[in-house]
């Protein structure tokens, strides 16, 4: 019984991480098309750090969540 409960909890955590990662990546995508981001890209040639942090955090969270969901 406890083993089944642990697997369920790990899958729930994996799902939360996956959804959170997708949300962070989408938030970064939305930020990358903002006025401030476009000005920053025009002046420096790169995306603002806040956008990159969301992309990286979303990727790490999404990969960790996917790993927990497919792990047996």
N, C-alpha and C. Protein backbone atom coordinates (compact mmCIF):
# COMPACT_ATOMS: atom_id res chain seq x y z
N UNK A 1 0.81 -1.20 0.00
CA UNK A 1 0.00 0.00 0.00
C UNK A 1 0.85 1.27 0.00
N UNK A 2 1.86 1.31 0.85
CA UNK A 2 2.68 2.51 0.94
C UNK A 2 3.47 2.73 -0.34
N UNK A 3 3.88 1.63 -0.98
CA UNK A 3 4.65 1.75 -2.23
C UNK A 3 3.79 2.38 -3.33
N UNK A 4 2.53 1.98 -3.42
CA UNK A 4 1.62 2.53 -4.42
C UNK A 4 1.36 4.01 -4.14
N UNK A 5 1.24 4.37 -2.87
CA UNK A 5 1.02 5.77 -2.49
C UNK A 5 2.24 6.63 -2.85
N UNK A 6 3.44 6.08 -2.65
CA UNK A 6 4.66 6.81 -3.00
C UNK A 6 4.75 7.05 -4.50
N UNK A 7 4.41 6.04 -5.29
CA UNK A 7 4.45 6.20 -6.75
C UNK A 7 3.45 7.25 -7.21
N UNK A 8 2.29 7.26 -6.58
CA UNK A 8 1.27 8.25 -6.94
C UNK A 8 1.77 9.65 -6.60
N UNK A 9 2.40 9.81 -5.44
CA UNK A 9 2.90 11.12 -5.04
C UNK A 9 4.00 11.58 -5.99
N UNK A 10 4.89 10.68 -6.40
CA UNK A 10 5.96 11.03 -7.32
C UNK A 10 5.38 11.46 -8.67
N UNK A 11 4.35 10.77 -9.13
CA UNK A 11 3.71 11.14 -10.40
C UNK A 11 3.02 12.51 -10.30
N UNK A 12 2.41 12.79 -9.17
CA UNK A 12 1.78 14.10 -8.98
C UNK A 12 2.84 15.21 -8.99
N UNK A 13 3.95 14.97 -8.30
CA UNK A 13 5.03 15.96 -8.29
C UNK A 13 5.59 16.14 -9.71
N UNK A 14 5.74 15.03 -10.43
CA UNK A 14 6.21 15.12 -11.81
C UNK A 14 5.27 15.92 -12.69
N UNK A 15 3.97 15.71 -12.51
CA UNK A 15 2.99 16.45 -13.30
C UNK A 15 3.02 17.94 -12.97
N UNK A 16 3.15 18.25 -11.69
CA UNK A 16 3.23 19.66 -11.27
C UNK A 16 4.49 20.32 -11.85
N UNK A 17 5.62 19.62 -11.81
CA UNK A 17 6.85 20.17 -12.38
C UNK A 17 6.73 20.35 -13.89
N UNK A 18 6.12 19.40 -14.56
CA UNK A 18 5.97 19.50 -16.01
C UNK A 18 5.07 20.67 -16.39
N UNK A 19 3.94 20.80 -15.73
CA UNK A 19 3.03 21.91 -16.02
C UNK A 19 3.67 23.25 -15.64
N UNK A 20 4.37 23.28 -14.51
CA UNK A 20 5.06 24.51 -14.10
C UNK A 20 6.15 24.89 -15.08
N UNK A 21 6.87 23.91 -15.59
CA UNK A 21 7.92 24.18 -16.57
C UNK A 21 7.36 24.73 -17.87
N UNK A 22 6.26 24.15 -18.32
CA UNK A 22 5.62 24.66 -19.54
C UNK A 22 5.12 26.08 -19.30
N UNK A 23 4.57 26.32 -18.11
CA UNK A 23 4.10 27.67 -17.76
C UNK A 23 5.22 28.69 -17.74
N UNK A 24 6.36 28.32 -17.15
CA UNK A 24 7.50 29.23 -17.12
C UNK A 24 8.03 29.53 -18.52
N UNK A 25 8.11 28.49 -19.33
CA UNK A 25 8.59 28.70 -20.70
C UNK A 25 7.64 29.59 -21.48
N UNK A 26 6.35 29.41 -21.30
CA UNK A 26 5.37 30.25 -21.99
C UNK A 26 5.46 31.69 -21.49
N UNK A 27 5.64 31.86 -20.18
CA UNK A 27 5.78 33.19 -19.61
C UNK A 27 7.02 33.89 -20.19
N UNK A 28 8.12 33.15 -20.31
CA UNK A 28 9.32 33.71 -20.93
C UNK A 28 9.08 34.08 -22.38
N UNK A 29 8.33 33.23 -23.10
CA UNK A 29 8.00 33.52 -24.49
C UNK A 29 7.19 34.81 -24.59
N UNK A 30 6.21 34.97 -23.71
CA UNK A 30 5.41 36.19 -23.71
C UNK A 30 6.26 37.41 -23.39
N UNK A 31 7.17 37.26 -22.44
CA UNK A 31 8.05 38.38 -22.07
C UNK A 31 9.00 38.74 -23.20
N UNK A 32 9.38 37.75 -24.00
CA UNK A 32 10.35 38.03 -25.07
C UNK A 32 9.77 38.90 -26.17
N UNK A 33 8.45 39.03 -26.21
CA UNK A 33 7.81 39.86 -27.23
C UNK A 33 7.30 41.18 -26.66
N UNK A 34 7.73 41.52 -25.45
CA UNK A 34 7.29 42.78 -24.86
C UNK A 34 8.09 43.95 -25.44
N UNK A 35 7.62 45.14 -25.21
CA UNK A 35 8.26 46.35 -25.71
C UNK A 35 9.67 46.49 -25.13
N UNK A 36 9.80 46.30 -23.83
CA UNK A 36 11.10 46.44 -23.17
C UNK A 36 12.09 45.41 -23.70
N UNK A 37 11.60 44.20 -23.93
CA UNK A 37 12.47 43.15 -24.45
C UNK A 37 12.94 43.47 -25.86
N UNK A 38 12.05 44.00 -26.66
CA UNK A 38 12.43 44.38 -28.03
C UNK A 38 13.47 45.50 -28.05
N UNK A 39 13.32 46.47 -27.15
CA UNK A 39 14.30 47.55 -27.04
C UNK A 39 15.64 46.98 -26.59
N UNK A 40 15.61 46.12 -25.59
CA UNK A 40 16.84 45.51 -25.09
C UNK A 40 17.52 44.69 -26.17
N UNK A 41 16.74 43.93 -26.92
CA UNK A 41 17.30 43.12 -28.01
C UNK A 41 17.91 44.02 -29.08
N UNK A 42 17.28 45.15 -29.37
CA UNK A 42 17.80 46.05 -30.39
C UNK A 42 19.11 46.70 -29.95
N UNK A 43 19.23 46.99 -28.66
CA UNK A 43 20.43 47.66 -28.16
C UNK A 43 21.58 46.69 -27.88
N UNK A 44 21.27 45.53 -27.32
CA UNK A 44 22.33 44.61 -26.91
C UNK A 44 22.47 43.41 -27.83
N UNK A 45 21.44 43.08 -28.58
CA UNK A 45 21.49 41.92 -29.45
C UNK A 45 21.12 40.62 -28.79
N UNK A 46 20.75 40.67 -27.51
CA UNK A 46 20.37 39.44 -26.82
C UNK A 46 19.11 39.69 -25.98
N UNK A 47 18.50 38.59 -25.56
CA UNK A 47 17.31 38.69 -24.73
C UNK A 47 17.67 39.14 -23.32
N UNK A 48 16.74 39.79 -22.62
CA UNK A 48 16.99 40.17 -21.23
C UNK A 48 17.20 38.93 -20.35
N UNK A 49 17.89 39.13 -19.25
CA UNK A 49 18.16 38.02 -18.34
C UNK A 49 16.88 37.40 -17.79
N UNK A 50 15.87 38.20 -17.50
CA UNK A 50 14.63 37.68 -16.93
C UNK A 50 13.98 36.66 -17.87
N UNK A 51 14.04 36.92 -19.16
CA UNK A 51 13.47 35.99 -20.14
C UNK A 51 14.28 34.69 -20.15
N UNK A 52 15.60 34.83 -20.15
CA UNK A 52 16.45 33.64 -20.17
C UNK A 52 16.29 32.81 -18.91
N UNK A 53 16.11 33.45 -17.76
CA UNK A 53 15.90 32.70 -16.51
C UNK A 53 14.61 31.88 -16.60
N UNK A 54 13.59 32.44 -17.19
CA UNK A 54 12.33 31.71 -17.32
C UNK A 54 12.45 30.56 -18.32
N UNK A 55 13.15 30.78 -19.40
CA UNK A 55 13.38 29.69 -20.36
C UNK A 55 14.17 28.54 -19.71
N UNK A 56 15.24 28.89 -19.02
CA UNK A 56 16.08 27.86 -18.40
C UNK A 56 15.33 27.16 -17.28
N UNK A 57 14.65 27.92 -16.43
CA UNK A 57 13.87 27.32 -15.35
C UNK A 57 12.76 26.43 -15.88
N UNK A 58 12.10 26.87 -16.93
CA UNK A 58 11.05 26.07 -17.53
C UNK A 58 11.58 24.78 -18.12
N UNK A 59 12.74 24.85 -18.77
CA UNK A 59 13.33 23.65 -19.36
C UNK A 59 13.74 22.65 -18.27
N UNK A 60 14.38 23.14 -17.23
CA UNK A 60 14.82 22.24 -16.15
C UNK A 60 13.63 21.62 -15.45
N UNK A 61 12.64 22.44 -15.13
CA UNK A 61 11.45 21.93 -14.45
C UNK A 61 10.69 20.95 -15.34
N UNK A 62 10.55 21.27 -16.61
CA UNK A 62 9.84 20.37 -17.53
C UNK A 62 10.55 19.04 -17.70
N UNK A 63 11.86 19.06 -17.81
CA UNK A 63 12.62 17.81 -17.97
C UNK A 63 12.54 16.98 -16.70
N UNK A 64 12.66 17.63 -15.53
CA UNK A 64 12.56 16.90 -14.27
C UNK A 64 11.16 16.28 -14.11
N UNK A 65 10.13 17.04 -14.46
CA UNK A 65 8.77 16.53 -14.38
C UNK A 65 8.53 15.37 -15.32
N UNK A 66 9.03 15.49 -16.53
CA UNK A 66 8.90 14.40 -17.51
C UNK A 66 9.63 13.15 -17.04
N UNK A 67 10.81 13.34 -16.47
CA UNK A 67 11.57 12.20 -15.93
C UNK A 67 10.77 11.49 -14.84
N UNK A 68 10.18 12.26 -13.92
CA UNK A 68 9.43 11.64 -12.83
C UNK A 68 8.17 10.94 -13.33
N UNK A 69 7.59 11.45 -14.42
CA UNK A 69 6.38 10.81 -14.95
C UNK A 69 6.67 9.50 -15.67
N UNK A 70 7.79 9.41 -16.36
CA UNK A 70 8.07 8.20 -17.13
C UNK A 70 8.92 7.20 -16.35
N UNK A 71 9.47 7.60 -15.22
CA UNK A 71 10.27 6.71 -14.39
C UNK A 71 9.39 5.58 -13.85
N UNK A 72 9.92 4.37 -13.88
CA UNK A 72 9.12 3.22 -13.40
C UNK A 72 9.38 2.92 -11.96
